[in-house]
N, C-alpha and C. Protein backbone atom coordinates (compact mmCIF):
# COMPACT_ATOMS: atom_id res chain seq x y z
N MET A 1 54.03 2.15 -23.78
CA MET A 1 55.29 1.53 -24.38
C MET A 1 55.28 2.11 -25.89
N SER A 2 56.61 2.51 -26.20
CA SER A 2 56.65 3.06 -27.71
C SER A 2 56.61 1.94 -28.55
N THR A 3 56.42 2.31 -29.93
CA THR A 3 56.27 1.27 -30.97
C THR A 3 57.56 0.52 -31.14
N THR A 4 58.69 1.09 -30.97
CA THR A 4 59.97 0.61 -31.27
C THR A 4 60.03 -0.49 -29.96
N ARG A 5 59.98 -0.03 -28.91
CA ARG A 5 60.03 -0.96 -27.72
C ARG A 5 59.14 -2.07 -27.94
N ASN A 6 57.88 -1.88 -28.33
CA ASN A 6 57.03 -3.10 -28.36
C ASN A 6 57.38 -3.96 -29.52
N SER A 7 57.99 -3.44 -30.61
CA SER A 7 58.52 -4.30 -31.66
C SER A 7 59.75 -5.12 -31.18
N GLN A 8 60.65 -4.41 -30.38
CA GLN A 8 61.72 -5.15 -30.07
C GLN A 8 61.36 -6.47 -29.01
N LEU A 9 60.36 -6.03 -28.32
CA LEU A 9 59.78 -7.04 -27.10
C LEU A 9 59.09 -8.22 -28.06
N GLU A 10 58.46 -7.89 -29.10
CA GLU A 10 57.70 -8.94 -29.90
C GLU A 10 58.84 -9.76 -30.58
N GLU A 11 59.98 -9.24 -30.99
CA GLU A 11 61.03 -9.93 -31.60
C GLU A 11 61.66 -10.76 -30.54
N ASP A 12 61.94 -10.31 -29.26
CA ASP A 12 62.40 -11.14 -28.21
C ASP A 12 61.64 -12.20 -27.85
N PHE A 13 60.34 -12.11 -27.75
CA PHE A 13 59.34 -13.29 -27.48
C PHE A 13 59.25 -14.19 -28.62
N PHE A 14 59.36 -13.72 -29.87
CA PHE A 14 59.32 -14.54 -30.99
C PHE A 14 60.60 -15.38 -31.06
N GLU A 15 61.74 -14.85 -30.77
CA GLU A 15 62.89 -15.66 -30.55
C GLU A 15 62.89 -16.68 -29.63
N LEU A 16 62.26 -16.45 -28.55
CA LEU A 16 62.07 -17.38 -27.49
C LEU A 16 61.21 -18.38 -27.90
N ILE A 17 60.16 -18.09 -28.51
CA ILE A 17 59.02 -19.05 -29.02
C ILE A 17 59.62 -20.12 -29.96
N CYS A 18 60.52 -19.55 -30.89
CA CYS A 18 61.05 -20.20 -31.98
C CYS A 18 62.08 -21.16 -31.26
N TYR A 19 62.79 -20.81 -30.32
CA TYR A 19 63.77 -21.63 -29.67
C TYR A 19 63.04 -22.79 -29.09
N MET A 20 61.98 -22.55 -28.22
CA MET A 20 61.13 -23.49 -27.41
C MET A 20 60.53 -24.57 -28.41
N VAL A 21 59.98 -24.10 -29.64
CA VAL A 21 59.32 -25.03 -30.57
C VAL A 21 60.50 -25.76 -31.32
N THR A 22 61.61 -25.16 -31.74
CA THR A 22 62.63 -26.01 -32.34
C THR A 22 63.21 -27.06 -31.26
N SER A 23 63.27 -26.72 -29.98
CA SER A 23 63.73 -27.49 -28.93
C SER A 23 62.89 -28.76 -28.79
N ALA A 24 61.42 -28.52 -28.88
CA ALA A 24 60.40 -29.61 -28.81
C ALA A 24 60.79 -30.59 -29.92
N ARG A 25 60.82 -29.94 -31.15
CA ARG A 25 61.04 -30.80 -32.35
C ARG A 25 62.26 -31.66 -32.10
N ASN A 26 63.29 -31.09 -31.79
CA ASN A 26 64.70 -31.67 -31.85
C ASN A 26 64.70 -32.70 -30.73
N LEU A 27 63.95 -32.50 -29.54
CA LEU A 27 63.99 -33.48 -28.42
C LEU A 27 63.43 -34.94 -28.67
N VAL A 28 62.62 -35.06 -29.86
CA VAL A 28 62.02 -36.29 -30.21
C VAL A 28 63.40 -37.08 -30.51
N SER A 29 64.49 -36.82 -30.98
CA SER A 29 65.52 -37.63 -31.37
C SER A 29 66.91 -37.25 -30.61
N GLU A 30 66.82 -36.24 -29.67
CA GLU A 30 67.95 -35.99 -28.77
C GLU A 30 68.14 -36.80 -27.50
N THR A 31 69.32 -36.72 -26.94
CA THR A 31 69.46 -37.17 -25.62
C THR A 31 68.43 -36.81 -24.61
N PRO A 32 67.90 -37.66 -23.86
CA PRO A 32 66.81 -37.24 -23.02
C PRO A 32 67.20 -35.96 -21.96
N LEU A 33 68.49 -35.83 -21.63
CA LEU A 33 68.69 -34.82 -20.67
C LEU A 33 68.67 -33.47 -21.26
N TYR A 34 68.71 -33.44 -22.63
CA TYR A 34 68.48 -32.13 -23.38
C TYR A 34 67.07 -31.37 -23.09
N GLY A 35 66.30 -32.25 -22.65
CA GLY A 35 64.97 -31.50 -22.51
C GLY A 35 64.93 -30.69 -21.36
N PRO A 36 65.44 -31.19 -20.11
CA PRO A 36 65.66 -30.30 -18.95
C PRO A 36 66.53 -29.04 -19.28
N LEU A 37 67.68 -29.37 -20.00
CA LEU A 37 68.71 -28.39 -20.32
C LEU A 37 67.98 -27.19 -21.06
N ARG A 38 67.03 -27.62 -22.04
CA ARG A 38 66.55 -26.63 -22.85
C ARG A 38 65.58 -25.85 -22.14
N LEU A 39 64.87 -26.45 -21.09
CA LEU A 39 63.77 -25.73 -20.33
C LEU A 39 64.47 -24.71 -19.43
N VAL A 40 65.79 -25.04 -18.77
CA VAL A 40 66.28 -24.06 -17.93
C VAL A 40 66.93 -22.89 -18.82
N GLU A 41 67.45 -23.19 -19.98
CA GLU A 41 67.87 -22.29 -21.04
C GLU A 41 66.66 -21.30 -21.28
N SER A 42 65.46 -21.84 -21.59
CA SER A 42 64.48 -21.13 -21.68
C SER A 42 64.17 -20.07 -20.68
N VAL A 43 64.22 -20.54 -19.35
CA VAL A 43 64.13 -19.70 -18.25
C VAL A 43 65.14 -18.63 -18.17
N SER A 44 66.34 -18.80 -18.50
CA SER A 44 67.34 -17.83 -18.62
C SER A 44 66.96 -16.81 -19.47
N ARG A 45 66.63 -17.28 -20.87
CA ARG A 45 66.29 -16.23 -21.90
C ARG A 45 65.07 -15.40 -21.64
N LEU A 46 64.16 -16.12 -20.94
CA LEU A 46 62.91 -15.21 -20.31
C LEU A 46 63.41 -14.14 -19.51
N ILE A 47 64.24 -14.58 -18.55
CA ILE A 47 64.78 -13.44 -17.55
C ILE A 47 65.47 -12.42 -18.43
N ASP A 48 66.14 -12.74 -19.41
CA ASP A 48 66.90 -11.73 -20.31
C ASP A 48 65.76 -10.65 -20.75
N ILE A 49 64.57 -11.25 -21.17
CA ILE A 49 63.50 -10.37 -21.63
C ILE A 49 62.81 -9.42 -20.68
N ILE A 50 62.78 -10.13 -19.32
CA ILE A 50 62.23 -9.31 -18.29
C ILE A 50 63.13 -8.33 -17.87
N GLN A 51 64.36 -8.61 -17.89
CA GLN A 51 65.35 -7.51 -17.52
C GLN A 51 65.29 -6.30 -18.53
N GLY A 52 65.11 -6.71 -19.69
CA GLY A 52 65.28 -5.69 -20.92
C GLY A 52 63.98 -4.90 -20.70
N LEU A 53 62.91 -5.26 -20.04
CA LEU A 53 61.76 -4.43 -19.86
C LEU A 53 61.90 -3.53 -18.62
N GLY A 54 63.01 -3.56 -17.82
CA GLY A 54 63.24 -3.02 -16.83
C GLY A 54 62.45 -3.64 -15.54
N LEU A 55 62.15 -4.94 -15.64
CA LEU A 55 61.46 -5.49 -14.54
C LEU A 55 62.42 -6.47 -13.88
N GLY A 56 63.64 -6.41 -13.95
CA GLY A 56 64.50 -7.41 -13.35
C GLY A 56 64.62 -7.11 -11.93
N SER A 57 65.18 -8.22 -11.40
CA SER A 57 65.19 -8.01 -9.91
C SER A 57 66.45 -8.98 -9.23
N PRO A 58 66.88 -8.58 -8.01
CA PRO A 58 67.92 -9.62 -7.46
C PRO A 58 67.65 -10.96 -7.55
N ARG A 59 66.25 -11.26 -7.38
CA ARG A 59 65.91 -12.69 -7.31
C ARG A 59 66.04 -13.24 -8.82
N PHE A 60 65.51 -12.57 -9.87
CA PHE A 60 65.76 -12.97 -11.12
C PHE A 60 67.27 -13.23 -11.52
N GLN A 61 67.92 -12.32 -11.19
CA GLN A 61 69.52 -12.22 -11.41
C GLN A 61 70.11 -13.48 -10.76
N SER A 62 69.74 -13.75 -9.59
CA SER A 62 70.29 -14.85 -8.82
C SER A 62 69.84 -16.23 -9.57
N ILE A 63 68.61 -16.39 -9.91
CA ILE A 63 68.16 -17.61 -10.69
C ILE A 63 69.07 -17.58 -11.96
N GLN A 64 69.12 -16.61 -12.58
CA GLN A 64 69.91 -16.73 -14.00
C GLN A 64 71.32 -17.08 -13.82
N ARG A 65 72.03 -16.46 -12.76
CA ARG A 65 73.30 -16.68 -12.54
C ARG A 65 73.47 -18.15 -12.16
N GLU A 66 72.64 -18.79 -11.29
CA GLU A 66 72.65 -20.29 -10.95
C GLU A 66 72.49 -21.10 -12.31
N ILE A 67 71.66 -20.67 -13.14
CA ILE A 67 71.40 -21.45 -14.34
C ILE A 67 72.65 -21.24 -15.07
N GLU A 68 73.17 -20.27 -15.31
CA GLU A 68 74.39 -20.13 -16.36
C GLU A 68 75.50 -20.89 -15.72
N GLU A 69 75.65 -20.79 -14.38
CA GLU A 69 76.81 -21.51 -13.88
C GLU A 69 76.77 -23.01 -13.78
N GLY A 70 75.41 -23.52 -13.86
CA GLY A 70 75.44 -24.89 -13.83
C GLY A 70 74.88 -25.62 -14.93
N LYS A 71 74.29 -24.97 -15.96
CA LYS A 71 73.73 -25.76 -16.94
C LYS A 71 74.60 -26.64 -17.92
N ASN A 72 75.83 -26.30 -17.92
CA ASN A 72 76.80 -27.13 -18.67
C ASN A 72 77.31 -28.37 -17.96
N THR A 73 76.74 -28.62 -16.82
CA THR A 73 77.01 -29.75 -16.22
C THR A 73 76.47 -31.01 -16.88
N VAL A 74 75.45 -30.60 -17.73
CA VAL A 74 74.78 -31.82 -18.59
C VAL A 74 75.78 -32.52 -19.40
N MET A 75 76.99 -31.80 -19.80
CA MET A 75 78.00 -32.36 -20.51
C MET A 75 79.02 -33.15 -19.68
N GLU A 76 78.83 -33.06 -18.34
CA GLU A 76 79.75 -33.68 -17.56
C GLU A 76 79.33 -35.27 -17.06
N SER A 77 78.07 -35.07 -16.51
CA SER A 77 77.26 -36.41 -16.17
C SER A 77 76.01 -36.23 -15.71
N GLU A 78 75.16 -37.10 -15.83
CA GLU A 78 73.84 -37.05 -15.40
C GLU A 78 73.64 -36.78 -13.98
N GLU A 79 74.54 -37.33 -13.18
CA GLU A 79 74.55 -36.99 -11.71
C GLU A 79 74.64 -35.61 -11.36
N LYS A 80 75.64 -34.98 -12.08
CA LYS A 80 75.99 -33.56 -11.76
C LYS A 80 74.93 -32.52 -12.23
N PHE A 81 74.42 -32.91 -13.56
CA PHE A 81 73.22 -32.13 -14.09
C PHE A 81 72.00 -32.27 -13.05
N THR A 82 71.67 -33.59 -12.64
CA THR A 82 70.64 -33.64 -11.78
C THR A 82 70.83 -32.94 -10.51
N ALA A 83 71.94 -32.93 -9.94
CA ALA A 83 72.31 -32.15 -8.76
C ALA A 83 72.13 -30.67 -9.02
N PHE A 84 72.64 -30.18 -10.07
CA PHE A 84 72.32 -28.82 -10.48
C PHE A 84 70.94 -28.45 -10.43
N LEU A 85 70.08 -29.32 -11.17
CA LEU A 85 68.63 -29.18 -11.25
C LEU A 85 68.03 -29.15 -9.78
N GLU A 86 68.49 -30.07 -8.83
CA GLU A 86 68.02 -30.20 -7.48
C GLU A 86 68.25 -28.96 -6.78
N ASN A 87 69.47 -28.45 -6.94
CA ASN A 87 69.90 -27.17 -6.27
C ASN A 87 69.03 -26.10 -6.59
N LEU A 88 68.89 -25.78 -7.99
CA LEU A 88 68.13 -24.68 -8.48
C LEU A 88 66.78 -24.81 -7.98
N LEU A 89 66.08 -25.86 -8.04
CA LEU A 89 64.83 -26.14 -7.46
C LEU A 89 64.61 -25.72 -6.00
N MET A 90 65.76 -26.05 -5.21
CA MET A 90 65.73 -25.75 -3.75
C MET A 90 65.85 -24.06 -3.58
N THR A 91 66.74 -23.61 -4.55
CA THR A 91 66.73 -22.14 -4.48
C THR A 91 65.42 -21.59 -4.65
N LEU A 92 64.72 -22.16 -5.67
CA LEU A 92 63.36 -21.54 -5.93
C LEU A 92 62.32 -21.68 -4.82
N VAL A 93 62.55 -22.95 -4.23
CA VAL A 93 61.70 -23.14 -3.01
C VAL A 93 61.84 -22.00 -1.99
N SER A 94 63.13 -21.99 -1.71
CA SER A 94 63.51 -20.86 -0.63
C SER A 94 63.00 -19.59 -0.95
N MET A 95 63.27 -19.16 -2.11
CA MET A 95 62.68 -17.71 -2.62
C MET A 95 61.14 -17.83 -2.46
N MET A 96 60.31 -18.82 -2.65
CA MET A 96 58.86 -18.90 -2.59
C MET A 96 58.53 -18.80 -0.95
N GLU A 97 59.38 -19.42 -0.24
CA GLU A 97 59.01 -19.39 1.26
C GLU A 97 59.45 -17.99 1.65
N GLU A 98 60.43 -17.34 1.31
CA GLU A 98 60.66 -16.13 1.85
C GLU A 98 59.59 -15.09 1.40
N ARG A 99 58.96 -15.23 0.16
CA ARG A 99 57.94 -14.41 -0.43
C ARG A 99 56.64 -14.66 0.43
N LYS A 100 56.40 -15.92 0.81
CA LYS A 100 55.23 -16.26 1.59
C LYS A 100 55.44 -15.59 3.01
N GLU A 101 56.54 -15.63 3.57
CA GLU A 101 56.73 -15.07 4.86
C GLU A 101 56.64 -13.41 4.77
N LYS A 102 57.06 -13.02 3.82
CA LYS A 102 56.91 -11.59 3.71
C LYS A 102 55.45 -11.00 3.65
N SER A 103 54.70 -11.88 2.97
CA SER A 103 53.24 -11.52 2.74
C SER A 103 52.39 -11.79 3.94
N HIS A 104 52.93 -12.30 5.03
CA HIS A 104 52.09 -12.55 6.27
C HIS A 104 52.35 -11.45 7.20
């Protein structure tokens, strides 16, 4: 990997780390639902980094798309946001099952 690419990768990871630590600090006094929101936002940002490395996949794109489409339901209601998280989790379970079936 080139020095420029390493430097950019380090910067991308540093930004994600800063986001996560700042989120952790702010969650002490924020609305409880912001914790799960910030976690799925971190996942989306990590997928951006992965894609920037050329390691993206349809699976990661699908996960990120689902996050981007559903994360703002936190502003609508706890029930909608919880349903979004449940659906996202079931998407991941399905992906894990598919992966397991392919390995056998």
